[in-house]
Protein backbone atom coordinates (compact mmCIF):
# COMPACT_ATOMS: atom_id res chain seq x y z
CA MET A 1 118.43 77.76 75.61
CA THR A 2 115.42 76.06 77.22
CA PRO A 3 115.17 76.57 80.98
CA SER A 4 115.44 73.48 83.15
CA CYS A 5 112.35 72.07 84.82
CA GLU A 6 113.80 73.08 88.18
CA ALA A 7 113.88 76.68 86.93
CA ILE A 8 110.33 76.43 85.57
CA PHE A 9 108.84 74.65 88.59
CA THR A 10 110.42 76.46 91.52
CA PRO A 11 108.79 76.12 94.95
CA GLU A 12 107.42 79.65 94.52
CA ILE A 13 105.81 78.86 91.15
CA LEU A 14 104.39 75.58 92.47
CA ALA A 15 102.90 77.48 95.42
CA GLN A 16 101.18 79.80 92.93
CA ILE A 17 99.86 76.85 90.91
CA PHE A 18 98.69 75.00 94.03
CA PRO A 19 98.38 77.51 96.92
CA ALA A 20 98.72 76.41 100.53
CA THR A 21 95.18 77.65 101.17
CA ARG A 22 93.86 74.82 99.03
CA SER A 23 94.37 72.39 101.93
CA ASP A 24 91.96 74.32 104.14
CA GLU A 25 89.52 74.72 101.24
CA PHE A 26 89.64 70.95 100.63
CA PHE A 27 88.89 70.11 104.27
CA GLU A 28 86.23 72.83 104.48
CA ALA A 29 84.45 71.19 101.52
CA LEU A 30 85.03 67.65 102.82
CA PHE A 31 84.28 68.06 106.53
CA GLY A 32 82.77 71.53 106.87
CA ALA A 33 85.74 72.83 108.86
CA PRO A 34 89.36 73.29 107.77
CA GLU A 35 90.70 72.39 111.22
CA GLU A 36 89.35 68.86 110.79
CA GLY A 37 92.08 68.11 108.23
CA ALA A 38 94.95 65.88 109.32
CA TYR A 39 97.44 67.15 106.73
CA ASP A 40 98.52 70.01 104.51
CA ILE A 41 98.79 69.43 100.75
CA ARG A 42 101.72 70.86 98.80
CA LEU A 43 102.71 70.41 95.16
CA ALA A 44 106.34 69.45 94.48
CA PHE A 45 108.28 68.79 91.29
CA ALA A 46 109.79 65.28 91.29
CA GLY A 47 111.48 64.86 87.91
CA HIS A 48 111.41 64.75 84.12
CA PRO A 49 112.43 61.18 83.17
CA ARG A 50 111.38 61.37 79.51
CA PRO A 51 110.72 64.26 77.10
CA SER A 52 106.96 63.69 77.32
CA THR A 53 106.70 62.91 81.05
CA TYR A 54 106.78 65.21 84.07
CA LEU A 55 106.57 63.90 87.62
CA PHE A 56 105.04 65.85 90.46
CA GLU A 57 103.95 64.97 93.98
CA LEU A 58 101.04 66.02 96.11
CA ARG A 59 102.83 65.95 99.46
CA LEU A 60 100.61 65.34 102.46
CA SER A 61 102.33 66.64 105.59
CA GLN A 62 100.87 65.83 108.97
CA ARG A 63 99.46 68.81 110.82
CA PRO A 64 100.54 69.41 114.43
CA GLY A 65 98.46 67.39 116.86
CA LYS A 66 96.90 65.31 114.07
CA CYS A 67 97.52 61.75 112.95
CA LEU A 68 98.41 61.03 109.33
CA VAL A 69 97.60 57.34 108.89
CA CYS A 70 97.50 55.34 105.70
CA ASN A 71 93.76 54.62 105.96
CA LEU A 72 93.23 58.39 105.59
CA THR A 73 95.40 58.70 102.51
CA HIS A 74 95.28 55.52 100.41
CA GLY A 75 91.96 56.33 98.71
CA LEU A 76 93.05 59.87 97.90
CA PRO A 77 94.14 59.43 94.26
CA GLU A 78 90.52 58.70 93.31
CA VAL A 79 89.15 61.46 95.57
CA PHE A 80 91.70 64.03 94.36
CA SER A 81 91.09 63.14 90.71
CA ARG A 82 87.46 64.33 90.90
CA HIS A 83 87.41 66.82 93.75
CA PRO A 84 86.66 70.38 92.51
CA VAL A 85 88.92 72.04 95.10
CA ILE A 86 91.92 69.96 94.05
CA ASN A 87 90.89 70.67 90.43
CA LEU A 88 93.15 68.18 88.69
CA LYS A 89 92.13 69.48 85.26
CA GLY A 90 93.00 73.07 86.22
CA LEU A 91 96.23 71.93 87.88
CA THR A 92 97.22 70.06 84.70
CA ALA A 93 96.37 73.10 82.57
CA ALA A 94 98.49 75.36 84.79
CA ILE A 95 101.45 72.98 84.52
CA ALA A 96 101.01 72.81 80.71
CA ALA A 97 100.95 76.62 80.57
CA ARG A 98 104.25 76.81 82.49
CA LEU A 99 105.69 74.45 79.85
CA GLY A 100 104.38 76.70 77.08
CA LEU A 101 101.83 74.09 75.94
CA ALA A 102 98.13 74.21 75.23
CA PRO A 103 96.16 72.51 78.06
CA GLU A 104 94.74 69.85 75.73
CA ARG A 105 98.28 68.58 75.10
CA ALA A 106 98.66 67.47 78.73
CA SER A 107 96.99 64.63 80.59
CA ALA A 108 97.32 63.73 84.25
CA GLN A 109 97.23 60.54 86.25
CA LEU A 110 97.41 60.17 90.02
CA LYS A 111 99.21 57.07 91.24
CA ALA A 112 98.85 55.12 94.49
CA THR A 113 99.71 56.90 97.73
CA ARG A 114 103.21 56.22 99.10
CA GLU A 115 103.97 56.44 102.80
CA VAL A 116 107.39 58.08 103.12
CA SER A 117 107.09 58.37 106.90
CA ARG A 118 104.40 58.67 109.54
CA GLU A 119 104.44 62.42 108.93
CA LEU A 120 104.66 62.46 105.11
CA HIS A 121 102.64 60.66 102.47
CA ILE A 122 102.89 61.31 98.73
CA VAL A 123 100.35 61.01 95.94
CA PRO A 124 102.41 60.88 92.70
CA LEU A 125 101.09 62.97 89.81
CA VAL A 126 102.26 62.02 86.32
CA ILE A 127 101.76 64.56 83.54
CA GLU A 128 102.12 63.26 79.97
CA VAL A 129 102.36 65.73 77.10
CA SER A 130 101.80 65.13 73.41
């Protein structure tokens, strides 16, 4: 029996694939100081609507005392797609590995940022496998 995606992509596994420390590393590279970041980035599993499609989210949670506004987050899909700390290629390869696939069988696309609330914005990540 094949394990469910929820069993494969538990919060603990997702934290290994995309560690919490990556937020500070991202802001260190971007601004020179991790405390300058307005949000923490966390990877979440969001669904498996088709056999070849896996949905994830890069969840941007406002840090205490900071302001998470849409003008800070709407350009992020393009920034995240090429930023070496986010490492979209490595992230995609790690997800493919958890699925038991070779990395070249998976491709990733970041979609437009969604504002869920003032404190939470989401950058959807769609993984397609062949």
